[in-house]
């Protein structure tokens, strides 16, 4: 199955970047996103990111790639 991650421009220092990968088994979305971020050597931690479905709903940690096939990843900003 194909699973796609759209990385926001705040993560890629410019344009949005779409990364699609082929997976042979159901895996947790958070684990797949973490692996892609590490492979791309992006200077962020998973806990500093917000993962949304392609229609903007938050992805729960227990969700897997068999149920959701595309996500958008944005950097969470904190402060006040």
C-alpha atoms as a PDB file:
ATOM      1  CA  UNK A   1       0.000   0.000   0.000  1.00  0.00           C
ATOM      2  CA  UNK A   2       1.115   3.545  -0.620  1.00  0.00           C
ATOM      3  CA  UNK A   3       1.373   5.981   2.284  1.00  0.00           C
ATOM      4  CA  UNK A   4       2.046   9.676   1.647  1.00  0.00           C
ATOM      5  CA  UNK A   5       3.342  12.373   3.964  1.00  0.00           C
ATOM      6  CA  UNK A   6       3.128  16.045   3.072  1.00  0.00           C
ATOM      7  CA  UNK A   7       5.704  18.026   5.022  1.00  0.00           C
ATOM      8  CA  UNK A   8       4.838  21.674   5.593  1.00  0.00           C
ATOM      9  CA  UNK A   9       7.154  24.399   4.383  1.00  0.00           C
ATOM     10  CA  UNK A  10       8.060  25.177   8.015  1.00  0.00           C
ATOM     11  CA  UNK A  11       9.801  21.779   8.140  1.00  0.00           C
ATOM     12  CA  UNK A  12      11.502  21.833   4.766  1.00  0.00           C
ATOM     13  CA  UNK A  13      12.723  25.446   4.823  1.00  0.00           C
ATOM     14  CA  UNK A  14      10.800  26.406   1.722  1.00  0.00           C
ATOM     15  CA  UNK A  15       8.357  24.507  -0.420  1.00  0.00           C
ATOM     16  CA  UNK A  16       6.027  21.832   0.830  1.00  0.00           C
ATOM     17  CA  UNK A  17       7.453  18.392   0.253  1.00  0.00           C
ATOM     18  CA  UNK A  18       5.436  15.270  -0.457  1.00  0.00           C
ATOM     19  CA  UNK A  19       6.989  11.907   0.338  1.00  0.00           C
ATOM     20  CA  UNK A  20       5.225   8.664  -0.670  1.00  0.00           C
ATOM     21  CA  UNK A  21       6.441   5.237   0.356  1.00  0.00           C
ATOM     22  CA  UNK A  22       5.269   1.690  -0.273  1.00  0.00           C
ATOM     23  CA  UNK A  23       4.523  -0.385   2.802  1.00  0.00           C
ATOM     24  CA  UNK A  24       3.719  -4.083   2.890  1.00  0.00           C
ATOM     25  CA  UNK A  25       2.150  -4.169   6.336  1.00  0.00           C
ATOM     26  CA  UNK A  26       0.118  -2.022   8.709  1.00  0.00           C
ATOM     27  CA  UNK A  27       2.373   0.137  10.829  1.00  0.00           C
ATOM     28  CA  UNK A  28       1.661   2.963  13.254  1.00  0.00           C
ATOM     29  CA  UNK A  29       1.569   6.317  11.468  1.00  0.00           C
ATOM     30  CA  UNK A  30       3.736   7.990  14.100  1.00  0.00           C
ATOM     31  CA  UNK A  31       6.465   5.362  13.589  1.00  0.00           C
ATOM     32  CA  UNK A  32       6.419   5.807   9.807  1.00  0.00           C
ATOM     33  CA  UNK A  33       6.520   9.616  10.051  1.00  0.00           C
ATOM     34  CA  UNK A  34       9.393   9.417  12.556  1.00  0.00           C
ATOM     35  CA  UNK A  35      11.365   7.152  10.214  1.00  0.00           C
ATOM     36  CA  UNK A  36      10.853   9.462   7.219  1.00  0.00           C
ATOM     37  CA  UNK A  37      11.882  12.533   9.228  1.00  0.00           C
ATOM     38  CA  UNK A  38      15.059  10.812  10.396  1.00  0.00           C
ATOM     39  CA  UNK A  39      15.873   9.625   6.856  1.00  0.00           C
ATOM     40  CA  UNK A  40      15.447  13.181   5.545  1.00  0.00           C
ATOM     41  CA  UNK A  41      17.662  14.421   8.410  1.00  0.00           C
ATOM     42  CA  UNK A  42      15.186  17.115   9.403  1.00  0.00           C
ATOM     43  CA  UNK A  43      16.194  18.885  12.630  1.00  0.00           C
ATOM     44  CA  UNK A  44      12.933  18.221  14.520  1.00  0.00           C
ATOM     45  CA  UNK A  45      11.616  15.760  17.079  1.00  0.00           C
ATOM     46  CA  UNK A  46       8.364  13.905  16.621  1.00  0.00           C
ATOM     47  CA  UNK A  47       6.959  15.449  19.813  1.00  0.00           C
ATOM     48  CA  UNK A  48       7.326  18.915  18.216  1.00  0.00           C
ATOM     49  CA  UNK A  49       5.125  17.989  15.261  1.00  0.00           C
ATOM     50  CA  UNK A  50       1.409  17.881  14.600  1.00  0.00           C
ATOM     51  CA  UNK A  51       0.211  15.088  12.316  1.00  0.00           C
ATOM     52  CA  UNK A  52      -3.098  15.662  10.552  1.00  0.00           C
ATOM     53  CA  UNK A  53      -5.193  13.677   8.089  1.00  0.00           C
ATOM     54  CA  UNK A  54      -5.462  15.066   4.574  1.00  0.00           C
ATOM     55  CA  UNK A  55      -8.741  16.743   5.641  1.00  0.00           C
ATOM     56  CA  UNK A  56      -7.193  18.361   8.734  1.00  0.00           C
ATOM     57  CA  UNK A  57      -8.209  16.049  11.587  1.00  0.00           C
ATOM     58  CA  UNK A  58      -5.558  15.171  14.205  1.00  0.00           C
ATOM     59  CA  UNK A  59      -4.090  11.679  13.880  1.00  0.00           C
ATOM     60  CA  UNK A  60      -4.247   9.651  17.081  1.00  0.00           C
ATOM     61  CA  UNK A  61      -1.090   7.776  18.140  1.00  0.00           C
ATOM     62  CA  UNK A  62      -2.850   4.422  17.726  1.00  0.00           C
ATOM     63  CA  UNK A  63      -3.833   5.061  14.077  1.00  0.00           C
ATOM     64  CA  UNK A  64      -2.077   3.004  11.410  1.00  0.00           C
ATOM     65  CA  UNK A  65      -1.348   3.275   7.704  1.00  0.00           C
ATOM     66  CA  UNK A  66      -4.029   0.726   6.840  1.00  0.00           C
ATOM     67  CA  UNK A  67      -6.733   3.150   7.981  1.00  0.00           C
ATOM     68  CA  UNK A  68      -5.180   6.455   6.936  1.00  0.00           C
ATOM     69  CA  UNK A  69      -3.179   6.641   3.708  1.00  0.00           C
ATOM     70  CA  UNK A  70      -2.110  10.275   3.667  1.00  0.00           C
ATOM     71  CA  UNK A  71      -1.082  12.777   6.348  1.00  0.00           C
ATOM     72  CA  UNK A  72       0.110  16.351   6.611  1.00  0.00           C
ATOM     73  CA  UNK A  73       2.904  17.089   9.072  1.00  0.00           C
ATOM     74  CA  UNK A  74       3.383  20.566  10.477  1.00  0.00           C
ATOM     75  CA  UNK A  75       5.738  21.960  13.081  1.00  0.00           C
ATOM     76  CA  UNK A  76       4.074  22.865  16.372  1.00  0.00           C
ATOM     77  CA  UNK A  77       4.998  26.272  17.686  1.00  0.00           C
ATOM     78  CA  UNK A  78       4.834  27.014  21.373  1.00  0.00           C
ATOM     79  CA  UNK A  79       5.052  30.258  23.200  1.00  0.00           C
ATOM     80  CA  UNK A  80       2.832  32.987  24.353  1.00  0.00           C
END
